[in-house]
């Protein structure tokens, strides 16, 4: 256990993608690549069958550098944390709670002075030198990084949690983090880059993602922090009349008397005859797709909201 981590203190994620678990006892043999000190999310997902992809042992995922509040440290190498950059007001006032391996965390070191960068490549890797060996593969879209100096020969040095020396990535893979609100069209364009990504319950990465994770990640890439879960995303956004939706708005779905269970991003103005289209991470088809709302979706459509 890293003795610098303390309950009640903050830490940051030191792996490319950390998975947040419901409890340590819930993990399965197939989850080993997601539990390692150097995670391999691609291998983890490719090793699962379609039922394992929707196991409710996974709650969410955290990206490299994401801040957490440590609430408990166990002797068996597990930490209970609250992901403070993933609002979840139904679950905890500070963020999304869950468990992850302690070795996937590093102590928080304060706020960096440099203006942050954000990964714009779908997937990239951090290396030990320009063009050198991969140290942190699998760094995904939306990850925030702190520059460690100017670019050199097309390579950008960055600070990475748990690494004393700067690491390097291609300069074009990261861009200055946005400082102004994005347009709906910009957010939709980010989400469209994740078409055909595998559906993973709790996923928030370009390797695998769920419906609310897709919405959270698309806005997060452009500097807007939305809650993690669909029902909380509905509370945090503004309703607009059905029929007044435009591309980039959000469709919400719920069964009678039940909480919202699904969300999609509007991709076209509505047409006569309730012909509506959306981009969403589809549980039934196990991937991100853009489609006309099927009849069963239209029957459970409960609202349109705008960020």
Protein backbone atom coordinates (compact mmCIF):
# COMPACT_ATOMS: atom_id res chain seq x y z
CA UNK A 1 0.00 0.00 0.00
CA UNK A 2 1.28 3.48 -0.81
CA UNK A 3 1.78 4.98 2.67
CA UNK A 4 1.32 8.50 1.29
CA UNK A 5 -2.35 7.84 0.60
CA UNK A 6 -4.53 8.66 3.58
CA UNK A 7 -8.27 8.34 4.23
CA UNK A 8 -9.79 11.79 3.95
CA UNK A 9 -7.12 12.96 1.52
CA UNK A 10 -7.16 13.42 -2.24
CA UNK A 11 -5.40 11.22 -4.78
CA UNK A 12 -5.22 11.02 -8.55
CA UNK A 13 -5.50 8.13 -10.99
CA UNK A 14 -2.07 6.98 -12.20
CA UNK A 15 -3.21 4.46 -14.86
CA UNK A 16 -4.60 5.27 -18.29
CA UNK A 17 -8.11 4.07 -17.36
CA UNK A 18 -9.12 2.88 -13.89
CA UNK A 19 -12.34 0.95 -13.38
CA UNK A 20 -14.54 1.76 -10.40
CA UNK A 21 -16.00 -1.39 -8.81
CA UNK A 22 -19.05 -1.99 -6.63
CA UNK A 23 -16.88 -3.92 -4.14
CA UNK A 24 -13.58 -5.83 -4.25
CA UNK A 25 -15.37 -9.17 -3.85
CA UNK A 26 -17.39 -8.55 -7.05
CA UNK A 27 -14.46 -8.73 -9.47
CA UNK A 28 -14.20 -11.75 -11.75
CA UNK A 29 -11.28 -13.71 -13.22
CA UNK A 30 -11.88 -11.98 -16.57
CA UNK A 31 -11.25 -8.60 -14.93
CA UNK A 32 -7.51 -9.14 -14.33
CA UNK A 33 -6.32 -6.78 -17.12
CA UNK A 34 -8.39 -3.95 -15.61
CA UNK A 35 -6.97 -4.53 -12.12
CA UNK A 36 -3.27 -4.40 -12.94
CA UNK A 37 -0.81 -1.64 -12.07
CA UNK A 38 -0.63 -1.02 -15.85
CA UNK A 39 -4.16 -1.57 -17.05
CA UNK A 40 -4.95 -3.07 -20.45
CA UNK A 41 -8.55 -2.08 -21.07
CA UNK A 42 -8.53 -3.33 -24.65
CA UNK A 43 -7.53 -6.83 -23.50
CA UNK A 44 -10.07 -6.72 -20.67
CA UNK A 45 -12.94 -5.92 -23.02
CA UNK A 46 -11.88 -8.38 -25.72
CA UNK A 47 -11.77 -11.14 -23.09
CA UNK A 48 -15.40 -10.69 -22.02
CA UNK A 49 -18.48 -12.31 -23.51
CA UNK A 50 -21.60 -10.22 -24.11
CA UNK A 51 -23.07 -10.99 -20.69
CA UNK A 52 -19.86 -10.11 -18.86
CA UNK A 53 -19.85 -6.78 -20.70
CA UNK A 54 -22.94 -5.73 -18.74
CA UNK A 55 -22.04 -7.09 -15.32
CA UNK A 56 -23.16 -4.71 -12.60
CA UNK A 57 -19.88 -5.12 -10.70
CA UNK A 58 -18.59 -2.17 -12.77
CA UNK A 59 -19.85 1.25 -11.69
CA UNK A 60 -17.82 3.71 -13.76
CA UNK A 61 -14.32 4.43 -15.03
CA UNK A 62 -11.79 7.14 -14.22
CA UNK A 63 -9.19 8.60 -16.56
CA UNK A 64 -5.50 9.29 -15.96
CA UNK A 65 -5.07 12.24 -13.61
CA UNK A 66 -8.70 12.24 -12.45
CA UNK A 67 -9.06 13.36 -8.83
CA UNK A 68 -10.64 11.23 -6.11
CA UNK A 69 -11.33 11.60 -2.41
CA UNK A 70 -9.96 8.57 -0.55
CA UNK A 71 -12.46 7.42 2.09
CA UNK A 72 -11.02 4.01 3.08
CA UNK A 73 -7.85 2.01 2.56
CA UNK A 74 -7.93 -1.76 3.06
CA UNK A 75 -4.97 -3.95 3.90
CA UNK A 76 -5.67 -6.14 0.88
CA UNK A 77 -4.75 -3.36 -1.57
CA UNK A 78 -8.16 -1.81 -2.23
CA UNK A 79 -9.23 1.79 -1.77
CA UNK A 80 -12.75 3.17 -1.45
CA UNK A 81 -12.92 6.52 -3.21
CA UNK A 82 -15.30 9.21 -4.34
CA UNK A 83 -14.67 10.33 -7.93
CA UNK A 84 -15.10 14.08 -7.47
CA UNK A 85 -15.05 14.84 -11.21
CA UNK A 86 -18.09 12.60 -11.81
CA UNK A 87 -21.06 14.21 -10.06
CA UNK A 88 -23.56 11.68 -8.70
CA UNK A 89 -25.88 13.57 -6.33
CA UNK A 90 -28.12 10.55 -5.74
CA UNK A 91 -25.17 8.54 -4.43
CA UNK A 92 -22.80 10.99 -2.69
CA UNK A 93 -22.63 14.80 -2.41
CA UNK A 94 -18.98 14.86 -3.55
CA UNK A 95 -19.10 12.50 -6.56
CA UNK A 96 -19.29 8.88 -7.67
CA UNK A 97 -18.33 6.36 -4.94
CA UNK A 98 -16.72 2.98 -5.50
CA UNK A 99 -13.63 0.78 -5.12
CA UNK A 100 -10.40 0.47 -7.07
CA UNK A 101 -6.94 -1.04 -6.49
CA UNK A 102 -4.76 1.24 -4.36
CA UNK A 103 -1.80 0.83 -6.73
CA UNK A 104 -3.82 2.60 -9.44
CA UNK A 105 -3.68 5.82 -7.39
CA UNK A 106 -0.95 8.36 -6.66
CA UNK A 107 -0.96 11.11 -4.03
CA UNK A 108 -2.35 14.43 -5.26
CA UNK A 109 0.42 17.02 -5.60
CA UNK A 110 -1.51 20.28 -5.83
CA UNK A 111 -2.62 22.41 -8.74
CA UNK A 112 -0.30 22.85 -11.72
CA UNK A 113 0.45 26.36 -12.97
CA UNK A 114 0.49 25.51 -16.69
CA UNK A 115 -2.70 25.64 -18.75
CA UNK A 116 -3.95 22.07 -19.13
CA UNK A 117 -4.11 20.03 -22.28
CA UNK A 118 -6.82 17.54 -23.17
CA UNK A 119 -6.33 14.40 -25.23
CA UNK A 120 -8.13 14.74 -28.54
CA UNK A 121 -6.90 11.47 -30.07
CA UNK A 122 -9.28 8.57 -29.57
CA UNK A 123 -6.40 6.61 -28.01
CA UNK A 124 -2.74 7.54 -27.54
CA UNK A 125 0.26 6.51 -25.44
CA UNK A 126 2.69 8.37 -23.18
CA UNK A 127 6.34 7.51 -23.84
CA UNK A 128 9.63 7.85 -21.98
CA UNK A 129 11.10 10.10 -24.71
CA UNK A 130 10.04 11.51 -28.09
CA UNK A 131 9.35 8.40 -30.15
CA UNK A 132 10.55 6.25 -27.25
CA UNK A 133 9.13 3.25 -25.40
CA UNK A 134 5.52 3.26 -24.24
CA UNK A 135 5.18 3.86 -20.52
CA UNK A 136 1.42 4.49 -20.35
CA UNK A 137 -0.44 3.00 -23.34
CA UNK A 138 -4.18 3.33 -23.71
CA UNK A 139 -4.61 6.99 -22.73
CA UNK A 140 -8.00 7.98 -24.09
CA UNK A 141 -10.01 10.90 -25.44
CA UNK A 142 -10.92 13.45 -22.79
CA UNK A 143 -7.93 12.83 -20.51
CA UNK A 144 -6.51 16.05 -19.04
CA UNK A 145 -2.74 16.48 -18.92
CA UNK A 146 -0.41 19.15 -17.59
CA UNK A 147 2.32 20.26 -20.01
CA UNK A 148 5.88 19.90 -18.75
CA UNK A 149 7.36 22.40 -21.18
CA UNK A 150 7.20 23.32 -24.87
CA UNK A 151 6.87 20.75 -27.63
CA UNK A 152 10.09 19.32 -29.10
CA UNK A 153 10.19 18.09 -32.70
CA UNK A 154 6.44 17.50 -32.70
CA UNK A 155 6.37 15.76 -29.29
CA UNK A 156 4.73 17.25 -26.20
CA UNK A 157 6.16 16.59 -22.70
CA UNK A 158 3.57 16.21 -19.93
CA UNK A 159 3.49 15.45 -16.24
CA UNK A 160 1.88 12.13 -15.34
CA UNK A 161 0.87 11.02 -11.82
CA UNK A 162 3.36 8.58 -10.32
CA UNK A 163 6.16 9.52 -12.74
CA UNK A 164 8.92 11.88 -11.69
CA UNK A 165 10.22 12.54 -15.21
CA UNK A 166 8.02 14.01 -17.97
CA UNK A 167 6.41 11.63 -20.43
CA UNK A 168 5.85 12.38 -24.10
CA UNK A 169 3.03 12.09 -26.64
CA UNK A 170 2.63 13.26 -30.23
CA UNK A 171 1.85 16.97 -30.15
CA UNK A 172 -1.27 16.58 -32.28
CA UNK A 173 -2.80 14.07 -29.85
CA UNK A 174 -3.47 16.73 -27.20
CA UNK A 175 -4.85 20.24 -27.55
CA UNK A 176 -5.37 23.16 -25.15
CA UNK A 177 -8.29 22.47 -22.82
CA UNK A 178 -11.32 24.57 -23.84
CA UNK A 179 -12.05 27.74 -21.91
CA UNK A 180 -15.39 28.64 -23.50
CA UNK A 181 -18.63 26.63 -23.65
CA UNK A 182 -18.85 24.36 -26.71
CA UNK A 183 -21.60 24.40 -29.26
CA UNK A 184 -23.99 21.47 -29.45
CA UNK A 185 -22.53 20.64 -32.84
CA UNK A 186 -19.02 20.39 -31.43
CA UNK A 187 -20.16 17.98 -28.73
CA UNK A 188 -22.08 15.86 -31.23
CA UNK A 189 -18.96 15.68 -33.43
CA UNK A 190 -16.95 14.31 -30.48
CA UNK A 191 -19.61 11.72 -29.71
CA UNK A 192 -19.78 10.65 -33.37
CA UNK A 193 -16.09 9.73 -33.21
CA UNK A 194 -17.09 6.95 -30.79
CA UNK A 195 -19.44 5.21 -33.23
CA UNK A 196 -19.12 1.39 -33.03
CA UNK A 197 -17.31 1.47 -29.66
CA UNK A 198 -18.34 -1.57 -27.62
CA UNK A 199 -21.08 -1.15 -25.01
CA UNK A 200 -19.66 -1.76 -21.53
CA UNK A 201 -21.81 -1.20 -18.46
CA UNK A 202 -20.07 1.58 -16.52
CA UNK A 203 -17.65 2.32 -19.37
CA UNK A 204 -16.32 5.86 -19.89
CA UNK A 205 -13.59 5.34 -22.47
CA UNK A 206 -12.95 4.96 -26.18
CA UNK A 207 -12.51 1.20 -25.56
CA UNK A 208 -15.98 0.65 -24.11
CA UNK A 209 -18.75 2.93 -22.94
CA UNK A 210 -22.35 3.04 -21.74
CA UNK A 211 -25.14 5.46 -22.61
CA UNK A 212 -24.57 8.05 -19.89
CA UNK A 213 -20.80 7.55 -20.13
CA UNK A 214 -20.96 8.60 -23.79
CA UNK A 215 -22.76 11.82 -22.87
CA UNK A 216 -20.45 12.49 -19.90
CA UNK A 217 -17.28 11.92 -21.95
CA UNK A 218 -18.36 13.95 -25.00
CA UNK A 219 -19.08 17.03 -22.88
CA UNK A 220 -16.07 16.43 -20.66
CA UNK A 221 -13.74 16.47 -23.69
CA UNK A 222 -15.00 20.01 -24.35
CA UNK A 223 -14.76 21.25 -20.78
CA UNK A 224 -18.31 20.75 -19.47
CA UNK A 225 -18.71 18.58 -16.36
CA UNK A 226 -22.02 16.69 -16.47
CA UNK A 227 -23.12 14.10 -13.89
CA UNK A 228 -22.20 10.49 -14.55
CA UNK A 229 -25.64 8.80 -14.59
CA UNK A 230 -28.58 9.45 -16.92
CA UNK A 231 -31.12 10.36 -14.23
CA UNK A 232 -28.72 12.91 -12.75
CA UNK A 233 -27.93 14.23 -16.23
CA UNK A 234 -31.64 14.92 -16.65
CA UNK A 235 -31.72 16.91 -13.41
CA UNK A 236 -28.64 18.93 -14.45
CA UNK A 237 -30.00 19.96 -17.87
CA UNK A 238 -32.87 22.14 -19.11
CA UNK A 239 -36.07 20.60 -20.54
CA UNK A 240 -37.24 21.78 -23.95
CA UNK A 241 -40.60 20.95 -25.59
CA UNK A 242 -40.78 17.69 -27.46
CA UNK A 243 -40.66 18.65 -31.11
CA UNK A 244 -38.33 21.60 -30.49
CA UNK A 245 -35.22 19.45 -30.18
CA UNK A 246 -32.17 20.07 -32.31
CA UNK A 247 -28.93 18.16 -32.89
CA UNK A 248 -26.85 17.99 -29.72
CA UNK A 249 -29.83 17.91 -27.36
CA UNK A 250 -30.53 14.88 -25.20
CA UNK A 251 -33.35 12.32 -25.33
CA UNK A 252 -34.28 10.67 -22.02
CA UNK A 253 -36.12 7.38 -21.62
CA UNK A 254 -38.01 5.81 -18.72
CA UNK A 255 -40.68 3.21 -18.17
CA UNK A 256 -43.92 4.26 -16.41
CA UNK A 257 -43.30 5.01 -12.76
CA UNK A 258 -39.58 4.27 -13.05
CA UNK A 259 -36.41 6.37 -12.96
CA UNK A 260 -34.75 7.39 -16.23
CA UNK A 261 -32.75 4.44 -17.53
CA UNK A 262 -31.39 5.55 -20.92
CA UNK A 263 -30.09 8.61 -22.73
CA UNK A 264 -29.17 9.46 -26.31
CA UNK A 265 -27.86 12.48 -28.21
CA UNK A 266 -30.21 14.00 -30.80
CA UNK A 267 -28.63 13.86 -34.27
CA UNK A 268 -31.36 15.39 -36.47
CA UNK A 269 -34.29 17.77 -36.32
CA UNK A 270 -37.55 15.82 -35.80
CA UNK A 271 -39.56 15.06 -38.90
CA UNK A 272 -43.31 14.58 -39.40
CA UNK A 273 -44.56 11.27 -38.01
CA UNK A 274 -42.28 11.23 -34.97
CA UNK A 275 -39.25 10.35 -37.09
CA UNK A 276 -36.46 11.07 -34.60
CA UNK A 277 -32.81 10.08 -34.68
CA UNK A 278 -30.17 9.74 -32.00
CA UNK A 279 -26.63 8.62 -31.30
CA UNK A 280 -26.40 6.37 -28.25
CA UNK A 281 -24.55 3.51 -26.60
CA UNK A 282 -27.09 0.75 -27.08
CA UNK A 283 -27.37 -1.96 -24.42
CA UNK A 284 -29.34 -4.24 -26.76
CA UNK A 285 -26.94 -4.00 -29.72
CA UNK A 286 -23.83 -3.76 -27.48
CA UNK A 287 -22.26 -0.82 -29.33
CA UNK A 288 -22.50 2.90 -30.02
CA UNK A 289 -24.74 3.57 -33.00
CA UNK A 290 -26.78 6.27 -34.70
CA UNK A 291 -30.32 5.32 -35.65
CA UNK A 292 -33.94 6.29 -36.03
CA UNK A 293 -35.71 5.77 -32.71
CA UNK A 294 -37.20 2.24 -32.75
CA UNK A 295 -40.80 1.88 -31.61
CA UNK A 296 -39.79 0.62 -28.17
CA UNK A 297 -37.64 3.72 -27.65
CA UNK A 298 -40.41 6.05 -28.82
CA UNK A 299 -42.77 4.39 -26.34
CA UNK A 300 -40.43 5.20 -23.42
CA UNK A 301 -39.29 8.68 -24.54
CA UNK A 302 -40.05 10.99 -21.62
CA UNK A 303 -38.31 14.20 -22.52
CA UNK A 304 -35.80 16.31 -24.38
CA UNK A 305 -33.20 18.38 -22.53
CA UNK A 306 -30.53 20.88 -23.51
CA UNK A 307 -27.16 21.40 -21.82
